[in-house]
Amino acid sequence: VSFEIPMASGGVGKYQVKLDGDMMLFKGTANDRPHGQCRWEKPE
């Protein structure tokens, strides 16, 4: 999925992310397709 973030200096950052279980993959960053962890809240 894609989203945009307004940048403080003007312009917009365009990013894409994909959930893969407890991991998230990122595109649009300086690092080439990094991934990170997700921490989920327990359902009520």
PDB file of all heavy atoms in Angstrom:
ATOM      1  N   VAL A   1       0.854  -1.191   0.000  1.00  0.00           N
ATOM      2  CA  VAL A   1       0.000   0.000   0.000  1.00  0.00           C
ATOM      3  C   VAL A   1       0.891   1.243   0.000  1.00  0.00           C
ATOM      4  O   VAL A   1       2.021   1.202   0.475  1.00  0.00           O
ATOM      5  CB  VAL A   1      -0.970   0.054   1.216  1.00  0.00           C
ATOM      6  CG1 VAL A   1      -1.957  -1.087   1.164  1.00  0.00           C
ATOM      7  CG2 VAL A   1      -0.214   0.052   2.527  1.00  0.00           C
ATOM      8  N   SER A   2       0.359   2.329  -0.559  1.00  0.00           N
ATOM      9  CA  SER A   2       1.123   3.577  -0.679  1.00  0.00           C
ATOM     10  C   SER A   2       0.536   4.651   0.215  1.00  0.00           C
ATOM     11  O   SER A   2      -0.671   4.682   0.431  1.00  0.00           O
ATOM     12  CB  SER A   2       1.052   4.102  -2.116  1.00  0.00           C
ATOM     13  OG  SER A   2       1.404   3.087  -3.014  1.00  0.00           O
ATOM     14  N   PHE A   3       1.412   5.523   0.696  1.00  0.00           N
ATOM     15  CA  PHE A   3       0.936   6.704   1.411  1.00  0.00           C
ATOM     16  C   PHE A   3       1.966   7.812   1.243  1.00  0.00           C
ATOM     17  O   PHE A   3       3.077   7.577   0.799  1.00  0.00           O
ATOM     18  CB  PHE A   3       0.678   6.398   2.895  1.00  0.00           C
ATOM     19  CG  PHE A   3       1.889   5.921   3.648  1.00  0.00           C
ATOM     20  CD1 PHE A   3       2.752   6.823   4.253  1.00  0.00           C
ATOM     21  CD2 PHE A   3       2.141   4.561   3.775  1.00  0.00           C
ATOM     22  CE1 PHE A   3       3.869   6.379   4.954  1.00  0.00           C
ATOM     23  CE2 PHE A   3       3.247   4.111   4.478  1.00  0.00           C
ATOM     24  CZ  PHE A   3       4.118   5.025   5.065  1.00  0.00           C
ATOM     25  N   GLU A   4       1.561   9.031   1.577  1.00  0.00           N
ATOM     26  CA  GLU A   4       2.449  10.183   1.461  1.00  0.00           C
ATOM     27  C   GLU A   4       2.537  10.899   2.796  1.00  0.00           C
ATOM     28  O   GLU A   4       1.573  10.923   3.553  1.00  0.00           O
ATOM     29  CB  GLU A   4       1.914  11.157   0.403  1.00  0.00           C
ATOM     30  CG  GLU A   4       1.904  10.554  -0.985  1.00  0.00           C
ATOM     31  CD  GLU A   4       1.454  11.551  -2.054  1.00  0.00           C
ATOM     32  OE1 GLU A   4       0.969  12.645  -1.678  1.00  0.00           O
ATOM     33  OE2 GLU A   4       1.588  11.229  -3.239  1.00  0.00           O
ATOM     34  N   ILE A   5       3.706  11.453   3.058  1.00  0.00           N
ATOM     35  CA  ILE A   5       3.923  12.236   4.277  1.00  0.00           C
ATOM     36  C   ILE A   5       4.416  13.624   3.850  1.00  0.00           C
ATOM     37  O   ILE A   5       5.396  13.712   3.105  1.00  0.00           O
ATOM     38  CB  ILE A   5       4.999  11.596   5.184  1.00  0.00           C
ATOM     39  CG1 ILE A   5       4.641  10.151   5.543  1.00  0.00           C
ATOM     40  CG2 ILE A   5       5.177  12.422   6.456  1.00  0.00           C
ATOM     41  CD1 ILE A   5       5.722   9.457   6.359  1.00  0.00           C
ATOM     42  N   PRO A   6       3.751  14.697   4.299  1.00  0.00           N
ATOM     43  CA  PRO A   6       4.273  16.033   4.003  1.00  0.00           C
ATOM     44  C   PRO A   6       5.601  16.252   4.726  1.00  0.00           C
ATOM     45  O   PRO A   6       5.724  15.924   5.912  1.00  0.00           O
ATOM     46  CB  PRO A   6       3.188  16.988   4.525  1.00  0.00           C
ATOM     47  CG  PRO A   6       2.324  16.175   5.420  1.00  0.00           C
ATOM     48  CD  PRO A   6       2.519  14.729   5.093  1.00  0.00           C
ATOM     49  N   MET A   7       6.597  16.767   4.009  1.00  0.00           N
ATOM     50  CA  MET A   7       7.915  16.983   4.595  1.00  0.00           C
ATOM     51  C   MET A   7       8.016  18.398   5.172  1.00  0.00           C
ATOM     52  O   MET A   7       7.450  19.339   4.620  1.00  0.00           O
ATOM     53  CB  MET A   7       8.998  16.777   3.535  1.00  0.00           C
ATOM     54  CG  MET A   7       9.113  15.327   3.102  1.00  0.00           C
ATOM     55  SD  MET A   7       9.729  14.285   4.471  1.00  0.00           S
ATOM     56  CE  MET A   7       8.966  12.718   4.088  1.00  0.00           C
ATOM     57  N   ALA A   8       8.768  18.507   6.261  1.00  0.00           N
ATOM     58  CA  ALA A   8       8.923  19.802   6.935  1.00  0.00           C
ATOM     59  C   ALA A   8       9.514  20.840   5.982  1.00  0.00           C
ATOM     60  O   ALA A   8       9.182  22.025   6.040  1.00  0.00           O
ATOM     61  CB  ALA A   8       9.805  19.646   8.168  1.00  0.00           C
ATOM     62  N   SER A   9      10.387  20.388   5.076  1.00  0.00           N
ATOM     63  CA  SER A   9      11.085  21.308   4.172  1.00  0.00           C
ATOM     64  C   SER A   9      10.252  21.627   2.931  1.00  0.00           C
ATOM     65  O   SER A   9      10.708  22.302   2.023  1.00  0.00           O
ATOM     66  CB  SER A   9      12.401  20.672   3.741  1.00  0.00           C
ATOM     67  OG  SER A   9      12.163  19.375   3.219  1.00  0.00           O
ATOM     68  N   GLY A  10       9.037  21.098   2.875  1.00  0.00           N
ATOM     69  CA  GLY A  10       8.202  21.249   1.679  1.00  0.00           C
ATOM     70  C   GLY A  10       8.253  19.972   0.865  1.00  0.00           C
ATOM     71  O   GLY A  10       9.169  19.171   1.009  1.00  0.00           O
ATOM     72  N   GLY A  11       7.286  19.785   0.011  1.00  0.00           N
ATOM     73  CA  GLY A  11       7.244  18.555  -0.772  1.00  0.00           C
ATOM     74  C   GLY A  11       6.648  17.411   0.030  1.00  0.00           C
ATOM     75  O   GLY A  11       6.224  17.596   1.176  1.00  0.00           O
ATOM     76  N   VAL A  12       6.618  16.257  -0.597  1.00  0.00           N
ATOM     77  CA  VAL A  12       6.017  15.082   0.036  1.00  0.00           C
ATOM     78  C   VAL A  12       6.947  13.896  -0.104  1.00  0.00           C
ATOM     79  O   VAL A  12       7.611  13.744  -1.120  1.00  0.00           O
ATOM     80  CB  VAL A  12       4.700  14.629  -0.664  1.00  0.00           C
ATOM     81  CG1 VAL A  12       3.527  14.651   0.282  1.00  0.00           C
ATOM     82  CG2 VAL A  12       4.424  15.413  -1.894  1.00  0.00           C
ATOM     83  N   GLY A  13       6.947  13.061   0.919  1.00  0.00           N
ATOM     84  CA  GLY A  13       7.642  11.781   0.833  1.00  0.00           C
ATOM     85  C   GLY A  13       6.611  10.734   0.454  1.00  0.00           C
ATOM     86  O   GLY A  13       5.540  10.667   1.052  1.00  0.00           O
ATOM     87  N   LYS A  14       6.930   9.939  -0.578  1.00  0.00           N
ATOM     88  CA  LYS A  14       6.021   8.868  -1.003  1.00  0.00           C
ATOM     89  C   LYS A  14       6.631   7.535  -0.597  1.00  0.00           C
ATOM     90  O   LYS A  14       7.776   7.250  -0.931  1.00  0.00           O
ATOM     91  CB  LYS A  14       5.845   8.891  -2.526  1.00  0.00           C
ATOM     92  CG  LYS A  14       5.187  10.166  -3.040  1.00  0.00           C
ATOM     93  CD  LYS A  14       5.104  10.108  -4.574  1.00  0.00           C
ATOM     94  CE  LYS A  14       4.856  11.456  -5.199  1.00  0.00           C
ATOM     95  NZ  LYS A  14       3.496  11.954  -5.069  1.00  0.00           N
ATOM     96  N   TYR A  15       5.862   6.740   0.117  1.00  0.00           N
ATOM     97  CA  TYR A  15       6.363   5.469   0.633  1.00  0.00           C
ATOM     98  C   TYR A  15       5.379   4.359   0.332  1.00  0.00           C
ATOM     99  O   TYR A  15       4.189   4.598   0.137  1.00  0.00           O
ATOM    100  CB  TYR A  15       6.594   5.560   2.147  1.00  0.00           C
ATOM    101  CG  TYR A  15       7.518   6.698   2.487  1.00  0.00           C
ATOM    102  CD1 TYR A  15       7.021   7.918   2.912  1.00  0.00           C
ATOM    103  CD2 TYR A  15       8.892   6.567   2.306  1.00  0.00           C
ATOM    104  CE1 TYR A  15       7.872   8.988   3.159  1.00  0.00           C
ATOM    105  CE2 TYR A  15       9.744   7.620   2.551  1.00  0.00           C
ATOM    106  CZ  TYR A  15       9.233   8.831   2.968  1.00  0.00           C
ATOM    107  OH  TYR A  15      10.080   9.882   3.194  1.00  0.00           O
ATOM    108  N   GLN A  16       5.912   3.152   0.292  1.00  0.00           N
ATOM    109  CA  GLN A  16       5.057   1.973   0.177  1.00  0.00           C
ATOM    110  C   GLN A  16       5.470   1.007   1.267  1.00  0.00           C
ATOM    111  O   GLN A  16       6.657   0.876   1.574  1.00  0.00           O
ATOM    112  CB  GLN A  16       5.240   1.299  -1.180  1.00  0.00           C
ATOM    113  CG  GLN A  16       4.640   2.065  -2.333  1.00  0.00           C
ATOM    114  CD  GLN A  16       4.912   1.330  -3.632  1.00  0.00           C
ATOM    115  OE1 GLN A  16       6.025   1.276  -4.111  1.00  0.00           O
ATOM    116  NE2 GLN A  16       3.867   0.729  -4.184  1.00  0.00           N
ATOM    117  N   VAL A  17       4.484   0.330   1.821  1.00  0.00           N
ATOM    118  CA  VAL A  17       4.767  -0.657   2.860  1.00  0.00           C
ATOM    119  C   VAL A  17       3.952  -1.913   2.598  1.00  0.00           C
ATOM    120  O   VAL A  17       2.895  -1.872   1.974  1.00  0.00           O
ATOM    121  CB  VAL A  17       4.451  -0.114   4.278  1.00  0.00           C
ATOM    122  CG1 VAL A  17       5.364   1.041   4.626  1.00  0.00           C
ATOM    123  CG2 VAL A  17       2.997   0.288   4.405  1.00  0.00           C
ATOM    124  N   LYS A  18       4.488  -3.015   3.081  1.00  0.00           N
ATOM    125  CA  LYS A  18       3.769  -4.289   2.980  1.00  0.00           C
ATOM    126  C   LYS A  18       3.915  -5.029   4.296  1.00  0.00           C
ATOM    127  O   LYS A  18       5.017  -5.170   4.805  1.00  0.00           O
ATOM    128  CB  LYS A  18       4.340  -5.137   1.838  1.00  0.00           C
ATOM    129  CG  LYS A  18       3.592  -6.460   1.683  1.00  0.00           C
ATOM    130  CD  LYS A  18       3.957  -7.149   0.359  1.00  0.00           C
ATOM    131  CE  LYS A  18       5.202  -7.978   0.475  1.00  0.00           C
ATOM    132  NZ  LYS A  18       5.388  -8.834  -0.719  1.00  0.00           N
ATOM    133  N   LEU A  19       2.787  -5.475   4.820  1.00  0.00           N
ATOM    134  CA  LEU A  19       2.798  -6.280   6.041  1.00  0.00           C
ATOM    135  C   LEU A  19       3.070  -7.721   5.670  1.00  0.00           C
ATOM    136  O   LEU A  19       2.482  -8.251   4.736  1.00  0.00           O
ATOM    137  CB  LEU A  19       1.429  -6.229   6.715  1.00  0.00           C
ATOM    138  CG  LEU A  19       1.212  -5.211   7.820  1.00  0.00           C
ATOM    139  CD1 LEU A  19      -0.180  -5.411   8.385  1.00  0.00           C
ATOM    140  CD2 LEU A  19       2.261  -5.331   8.900  1.00  0.00           C
ATOM    141  N   ASP A  20       3.956  -8.339   6.443  1.00  0.00           N
ATOM    142  CA  ASP A  20       4.246  -9.751   6.256  1.00  0.00           C
ATOM    143  C   ASP A  20       4.289 -10.359   7.647  1.00  0.00           C
ATOM    144  O   ASP A  20       5.350 -10.445   8.261  1.00  0.00           O
ATOM    145  CB  ASP A  20       5.589  -9.885   5.522  1.00  0.00           C
ATOM    146  CG  ASP A  20       5.919 -11.325   5.200  1.00  0.00           C
ATOM    147  OD1 ASP A  20       5.076 -12.210   5.457  1.00  0.00           O
ATOM    148  OD2 ASP A  20       7.030 -11.580   4.701  1.00  0.00           O
ATOM    149  N   GLY A  21       3.116 -10.700   8.165  1.00  0.00           N
ATOM    150  CA  GLY A  21       3.052 -11.216   9.538  1.00  0.00           C
ATOM    151  C   GLY A  21       3.441 -10.133  10.525  1.00  0.00           C
ATOM    152  O   GLY A  21       2.801  -9.095  10.598  1.00  0.00           O
ATOM    153  N   ASP A  22       4.546 -10.384  11.262  1.00  0.00           N
ATOM    154  CA  ASP A  22       5.012  -9.397  12.244  1.00  0.00           C
ATOM    155  C   ASP A  22       6.135  -8.530  11.695  1.00  0.00           C
ATOM    156  O   ASP A  22       6.822  -7.847  12.444  1.00  0.00           O
ATOM    157  CB  ASP A  22       5.477 -10.104  13.518  1.00  0.00           C
ATOM    158  CG  ASP A  22       4.308 -10.756  14.241  1.00  0.00           C
ATOM    159  OD1 ASP A  22       3.165 -10.283  14.062  1.00  0.00           O
ATOM    160  OD2 ASP A  22       4.537 -11.740  14.967  1.00  0.00           O
ATOM    161  N   MET A  23       6.330  -8.586  10.374  1.00  0.00           N
ATOM    162  CA  MET A  23       7.336  -7.754   9.726  1.00  0.00           C
ATOM    163  C   MET A  23       6.640  -6.767   8.820  1.00  0.00           C
ATOM    164  O   MET A  23       5.543  -7.033   8.326  1.00  0.00           O
ATOM    165  CB  MET A  23       8.261  -8.598   8.833  1.00  0.00           C
ATOM    166  CG  MET A  23       8.984  -9.712   9.528  1.00  0.00           C
ATOM    167  SD  MET A  23      10.289  -9.061  10.568  1.00  0.00           S
ATOM    168  CE  MET A  23      11.462  -8.620   9.309  1.00  0.00           C
ATOM    169  N   MET A  24       7.297  -5.636   8.573  1.00  0.00           N
ATOM    170  CA  MET A  24       6.817  -4.705   7.567  1.00  0.00           C
ATOM    171  C   MET A  24       7.980  -4.415   6.621  1.00  0.00           C
ATOM    172  O   MET A  24       9.099  -4.187   7.063  1.00  0.00           O
ATOM    173  CB  MET A  24       6.308  -3.414   8.201  1.00  0.00           C
ATOM    174  CG  MET A  24       5.794  -2.415   7.175  1.00  0.00           C
ATOM    175  SD  MET A  24       5.003  -0.957   7.943  1.00  0.00           S
ATOM    176  CE  MET A  24       3.294  -1.507   8.026  1.00  0.00           C
ATOM    177  N   LEU A  25       7.698  -4.466   5.324  1.00  0.00           N
ATOM    178  CA  LEU A  25       8.686  -4.112   4.310  1.00  0.00           C
ATOM    179  C   LEU A  25       8.397  -2.697   3.843  1.00  0.00           C
ATOM    180  O   LEU A  25       7.237  -2.292   3.753  1.00  0.00           O
ATOM    181  CB  LEU A  25       8.599  -5.067   3.121  1.00  0.00           C
ATOM    182  CG  LEU A  25       8.646  -6.559   3.472  1.00  0.00           C
ATOM    183  CD1 LEU A  25       8.449  -7.408   2.224  1.00  0.00           C
ATOM    184  CD2 LEU A  25       9.952  -6.908   4.132  1.00  0.00           C
ATOM    185  N   PHE A  26       9.459  -1.958   3.529  1.00  0.00           N
ATOM    186  CA  PHE A  26       9.324  -0.538   3.183  1.00  0.00           C
ATOM    187  C   PHE A  26       9.936  -0.253   1.815  1.00  0.00           C
ATOM    188  O   PHE A  26      10.965  -0.817   1.465  1.00  0.00           O
ATOM    189  CB  PHE A  26      10.072   0.320   4.210  1.00  0.00           C
ATOM    190  CG  PHE A  26       9.557   0.195   5.618  1.00  0.00           C
ATOM    191  CD1 PHE A  26      10.000  -0.831   6.452  1.00  0.00           C
ATOM    192  CD2 PHE A  26       8.644   1.103   6.127  1.00  0.00           C
ATOM    193  CE1 PHE A  26       9.534  -0.945   7.761  1.00  0.00           C
ATOM    194  CE2 PHE A  26       8.172   0.992   7.441  1.00  0.00           C
ATOM    195  CZ  PHE A  26       8.617  -0.034   8.249  1.00  0.00           C
ATOM    196  N   LYS A  27       9.306   0.635   1.051  1.00  0.00           N
ATOM    197  CA  LYS A  27       9.888   1.144  -0.192  1.00  0.00           C
ATOM    198  C   LYS A  27       9.793   2.656  -0.192  1.00  0.00           C
ATOM    199  O   LYS A  27       8.876   3.221   0.403  1.00  0.00           O
ATOM    200  CB  LYS A  27       9.111   0.627  -1.413  1.00  0.00           C
ATOM    201  CG  LYS A  27       9.443  -0.779  -1.834  1.00  0.00           C
ATOM    202  CD  LYS A  27       8.907  -1.011  -3.248  1.00  0.00           C
ATOM    203  CE  LYS A  27       8.111  -2.291  -3.339  1.00  0.00           C
ATOM    204  NZ  LYS A  27       7.513  -2.538  -4.638  1.00  0.00           N
ATOM    205  N   GLY A  28      10.722   3.304  -0.882  1.00  0.00           N
ATOM    206  CA  GLY A  28      10.717   4.764  -0.969  1.00  0.00           C
ATOM    207  C   GLY A  28      11.725   5.394  -0.020  1.00  0.00           C
ATOM    208  O   GLY A  28      11.898   6.608   0.009  1.00  0.00           O
ATOM    209  N   THR A  29      12.397   4.557   0.750  1.00  0.00           N
ATOM    210  CA  THR A  29      13.375   5.022   1.733  1.00  0.00           C
ATOM    211  C   THR A  29      14.766   5.081   1.097  1.00  0.00           C
ATOM    212  O   THR A  29      14.985   4.530   0.022  1.00  0.00           O
ATOM    213  CB  THR A  29      13.403   4.044   2.914  1.00  0.00           C
ATOM    214  OG1 THR A  29      13.548   2.713   2.391  1.00  0.00           O
ATOM    215  CG2 THR A  29      12.100   4.109   3.701  1.00  0.00           C
ATOM    216  N   ALA A  30      15.694   5.737   1.771  1.00  0.00           N
ATOM    217  CA  ALA A  30      17.078   5.805   1.290  1.00  0.00           C
ATOM    218  C   ALA A  30      17.710   4.406   1.310  1.00  0.00           C
ATOM    219  O   ALA A  30      18.387   4.002   0.377  1.00  0.00           O
ATOM    220  CB  ALA A  30      17.888   6.773   2.145  1.00  0.00           C
ATOM    221  N   ASN A  31      17.473   3.674   2.390  1.00  0.00           N
ATOM    222  CA  ASN A  31      17.930   2.285   2.443  1.00  0.00           C
ATOM    223  C   ASN A  31      17.129   1.478   1.442  1.00  0.00           C
ATOM    224  O   ASN A  31      15.943   1.713   1.249  1.00  0.00           O
ATOM    225  CB  ASN A  31      17.721   1.690   3.846  1.00  0.00           C
ATOM    226  CG  ASN A  31      18.822   2.104   4.806  1.00  0.00           C
ATOM    227  OD1 ASN A  31      19.950   1.670   4.673  1.00  0.00           O
ATOM    228  ND2 ASN A  31      18.500   2.993   5.741  1.00  0.00           N
ATOM    229  N   ASP A  32      17.765   0.512   0.815  1.00  0.00           N
ATOM    230  CA  ASP A  32      17.093  -0.250  -0.219  1.00  0.00           C
ATOM    231  C   ASP A  32      16.183  -1.313   0.386  1.00  0.00           C
ATOM    232  O   ASP A  32      16.651  -2.309   0.914  1.00  0.00           O
ATOM    233  CB  ASP A  32      18.142  -0.889  -1.134  1.00  0.00           C
ATOM    234  CG  ASP A  32      17.496  -1.503  -2.368  1.00  0.00           C
ATOM    235  OD1 ASP A  32      16.463  -0.958  -2.825  1.00  0.00           O
ATOM    236  OD2 ASP A  32      18.003  -2.523  -2.850  1.00  0.00           O
ATOM    237  N   ARG A  33      14.895  -1.077   0.296  1.00  0.00           N
ATOM    238  CA  ARG A  33      13.884  -2.023   0.764  1.00  0.00           C
ATOM    239  C   ARG A  33      14.171  -2.629   2.131  1.00  0.00           C
ATOM    240  O   ARG A  33      14.281  -3.853   2.273  1.00  0.00           O
ATOM    241  CB  ARG A  33      13.721  -3.137  -0.274  1.00  0.00           C
ATOM    242  CG  ARG A  33      13.210  -2.584  -1.587  1.00  0.00           C
ATOM    243  CD  ARG A  33      13.000  -3.674  -2.584  1.00  0.00           C
ATOM    244  NE  ARG A  33      11.810  -4.435  -2.246  1.00  0.00           N
ATOM    245  CZ  ARG A  33      11.039  -5.009  -3.153  1.00  0.00           C
ATOM    246  NH1 ARG A  33      11.322  -4.908  -4.424  1.00  0.00           N
ATOM    247  NH2 ARG A  33       9.982  -5.696  -2.793  1.00  0.00           N
ATOM    248  N   PRO A  34      14.272  -1.759   3.137  1.00  0.00           N
ATOM    249  CA  PRO A  34      14.511  -2.303   4.482  1.00  0.00           C
ATOM    250  C   PRO A  34      13.240  -2.943   5.036  1.00  0.00           C
ATOM    251  O   PRO A  34      12.176  -2.820   4.438  1.00  0.00           O
ATOM    252  CB  PRO A  34      14.859  -1.057   5.296  1.00  0.00           C
ATOM    253  CG  PRO A  34      14.097   0.034   4.619  1.00  0.00           C
ATOM    254  CD  PRO A  34      14.095  -0.312   3.149  1.00  0.00           C
ATOM    255  N   HIS A  35      13.382  -3.623   6.138  1.00  0.00           N
ATOM    256  CA  HIS A  35      12.194  -4.146   6.808  1.00  0.00           C
ATOM    257  C   HIS A  35      12.331  -3.912   8.304  1.00  0.00           C
ATOM    258  O   HIS A  35      13.419  -3.677   8.801  1.00  0.00           O
ATOM    259  CB  HIS A  35      11.986  -5.632   6.501  1.00  0.00           C
ATOM    260  CG  HIS A  35      13.145  -6.476   6.880  1.00  0.00           C
ATOM    261  ND1 HIS A  35      14.148  -6.790   5.993  1.00  0.00           N
ATOM    262  CD2 HIS A  35      13.481  -7.050   8.053  1.00  0.00           C
ATOM    263  CE1 HIS A  35      15.055  -7.546   6.606  1.00  0.00           C
ATOM    264  NE2 HIS A  35      14.674  -7.717   7.852  1.00  0.00           N
ATOM    265  N   GLY A  36      11.209  -3.936   8.978  1.00  0.00           N
ATOM    266  CA  GLY A  36      11.216  -3.687  10.420  1.00  0.00           C
ATOM    267  C   GLY A  36      10.170  -4.535  11.107  1.00  0.00           C
ATOM    268  O   GLY A  36       9.371  -5.202  10.465  1.00  0.00           O
ATOM    269  N   GLN A  37      10.200  -4.480  12.414  1.00  0.00           N
ATOM    270  CA  GLN A  37       9.297  -5.280  13.241  1.00  0.00           C
ATOM    271  C   GLN A  37       8.007  -4.536  13.528  1.00  0.00           C
ATOM    272  O   GLN A  37       8.008  -3.313  13.613  1.00  0.00           O
ATOM    273  CB  GLN A  37       9.963  -5.564  14.588  1.00  0.00           C
ATOM    274  CG  GLN A  37      11.073  -6.589  14.554  1.00  0.00           C
ATOM    275  CD  GLN A  37      10.535  -7.981  14.235  1.00  0.00           C
ATOM    276  OE1 GLN A  37      11.045  -8.635  13.342  1.00  0.00           O
ATOM    277  NE2 GLN A  37       9.508  -8.429  14.939  1.00  0.00           N
ATOM    278  N   CYS A  38       6.942  -5.278  13.717  1.00  0.00           N
ATOM    279  CA  CYS A  38       5.681  -4.715  14.188  1.00  0.00           C
ATOM    280  C   CYS A  38       5.431  -5.194  15.614  1.00  0.00           C
ATOM    281  O   CYS A  38       5.690  -6.342  15.928  1.00  0.00           O
ATOM    282  CB  CYS A  38       4.527  -5.165  13.301  1.00  0.00           C
ATOM    283  SG  CYS A  38       4.670  -4.603  11.597  1.00  0.00           S
ATOM    284  N   ARG A  39       4.952  -4.287  16.430  1.00  0.00           N
ATOM    285  CA  ARG A  39       4.510  -4.652  17.783  1.00  0.00           C
ATOM    286  C   ARG A  39       3.004  -4.454  17.827  1.00  0.00           C
ATOM    287  O   ARG A  39       2.520  -3.333  17.661  1.00  0.00           O
ATOM    288  CB  ARG A  39       5.203  -3.765  18.829  1.00  0.00           C
ATOM    289  CG  ARG A  39       6.685  -4.070  18.989  1.00  0.00           C
ATOM    290  CD  ARG A  39       7.259  -3.393  20.219  1.00  0.00           C
ATOM    291  NE  ARG A  39       6.987  -1.958  20.259  1.00  0.00           N
ATOM    292  CZ  ARG A  39       7.688  -1.048  19.591  1.00  0.00           C
ATOM    293  NH1 ARG A  39       8.699  -1.405  18.839  1.00  0.00           N
ATOM    294  NH2 ARG A  39       7.368   0.239  19.683  1.00  0.00           N
ATOM    295  N   TRP A  40       2.288  -5.533  18.048  1.00  0.00           N
ATOM    296  CA  TRP A  40       0.822  -5.472  18.026  1.00  0.00           C
ATOM    297  C   TRP A  40       0.249  -5.314  19.417  1.00  0.00           C
ATOM    298  O   TRP A  40       0.754  -5.897  20.369  1.00  0.00           O
ATOM    299  CB  TRP A  40       0.255  -6.742  17.380  1.00  0.00           C
ATOM    300  CG  TRP A  40       0.773  -6.968  16.015  1.00  0.00           C
ATOM    301  CD1 TRP A  40       1.584  -7.988  15.585  1.00  0.00           C
ATOM    302  CD2 TRP A  40       0.541  -6.158  14.844  1.00  0.00           C
ATOM    303  NE1 TRP A  40       1.863  -7.852  14.250  1.00  0.00           N
ATOM    304  CE2 TRP A  40       1.239  -6.750  13.770  1.00  0.00           C
ATOM    305  CE3 TRP A  40      -0.191  -4.994  14.615  1.00  0.00           C
ATOM    306  CZ2 TRP A  40       1.234  -6.198  12.486  1.00  0.00           C
ATOM    307  CZ3 TRP A  40      -0.198  -4.455  13.344  1.00  0.00           C
ATOM    308  CH2 TRP A  40       0.500  -5.048  12.293  1.00  0.00           C
ATOM    309  N   GLU A  41      -0.833  -4.559  19.493  1.00  0.00           N
ATOM    310  CA  GLU A  41      -1.571  -4.482  20.755  1.00  0.00           C
ATOM    311  C   GLU A  41      -2.432  -5.715  20.862  1.00  0.00           C
ATOM    312  O   GLU A  41      -2.917  -6.224  19.853  1.00  0.00           O
ATOM    313  CB  GLU A  41      -2.471  -3.234  20.758  1.00  0.00           C
ATOM    314  CG  GLU A  41      -1.694  -1.940  20.712  1.00  0.00           C
ATOM    315  CD  GLU A  41      -2.588  -0.748  20.384  1.00  0.00           C
ATOM    316  OE1 GLU A  41      -3.836  -0.914  20.394  1.00  0.00           O
ATOM    317  OE2 GLU A  41      -2.047   0.326  20.092  1.00  0.00           O
ATOM    318  N   LYS A  42      -2.627  -6.178  22.074  1.00  0.00           N
ATOM    319  CA  LYS A  42      -3.525  -7.316  22.278  1.00  0.00           C
ATOM    320  C   LYS A  42      -4.971  -6.837  22.081  1.00  0.00           C
ATOM    321  O   LYS A  42      -5.306  -5.756  22.555  1.00  0.00           O
ATOM    322  CB  LYS A  42      -3.374  -7.867  23.701  1.00  0.00           C
ATOM    323  CG  LYS A  42      -1.989  -8.405  24.012  1.00  0.00           C
ATOM    324  CD  LYS A  42      -1.888  -9.870  23.606  1.00  0.00           C
ATOM    325  CE  LYS A  42      -0.509 -10.457  23.880  1.00  0.00           C
ATOM    326  NZ  LYS A  42       0.513 -10.049  22.900  1.00  0.00           N
ATOM    327  N   PRO A  43      -5.783  -7.627  21.384  1.00  0.00           N
ATOM    328  CA  PRO A  43      -7.192  -7.220  21.250  1.00  0.00           C
ATOM    329  C   PRO A  43      -7.835  -7.078  22.629  1.00  0.00           C
ATOM    330  O   PRO A  43      -7.481  -7.808  23.547  1.00  0.00           O
ATOM    331  CB  PRO A  43      -7.836  -8.361  20.469  1.00  0.00           C
ATOM    332  CG  PRO A  43      -6.701  -9.106  19.842  1.00  0.00           C
ATOM    333  CD  PRO A  43      -5.497  -8.884  20.724  1.00  0.00           C
ATOM    334  N   GLU A  44      -8.772  -6.155  22.747  1.00  0.00           N
ATOM    335  CA  GLU A  44      -9.479  -5.935  24.012  1.00  0.00           C
ATOM    336  C   GLU A  44     -10.087  -7.240  24.530  1.00  0.00           C
ATOM    337  O   GLU A  44     -10.641  -8.017  23.755  1.00  0.00           O
ATOM    338  CB  GLU A  44     -10.639  -4.941  23.810  1.00  0.00           C
ATOM    339  CG  GLU A  44     -10.215  -3.582  23.295  1.00  0.00           C
ATOM    340  CD  GLU A  44      -9.521  -2.767  24.373  1.00  0.00           C
ATOM    341  OE1 GLU A  44      -9.999  -2.760  25.508  1.00  0.00           O
ATOM    342  OE2 GLU A  44      -8.477  -2.160  24.050  1.00  0.00           O
TER     343      GLU A  44
END
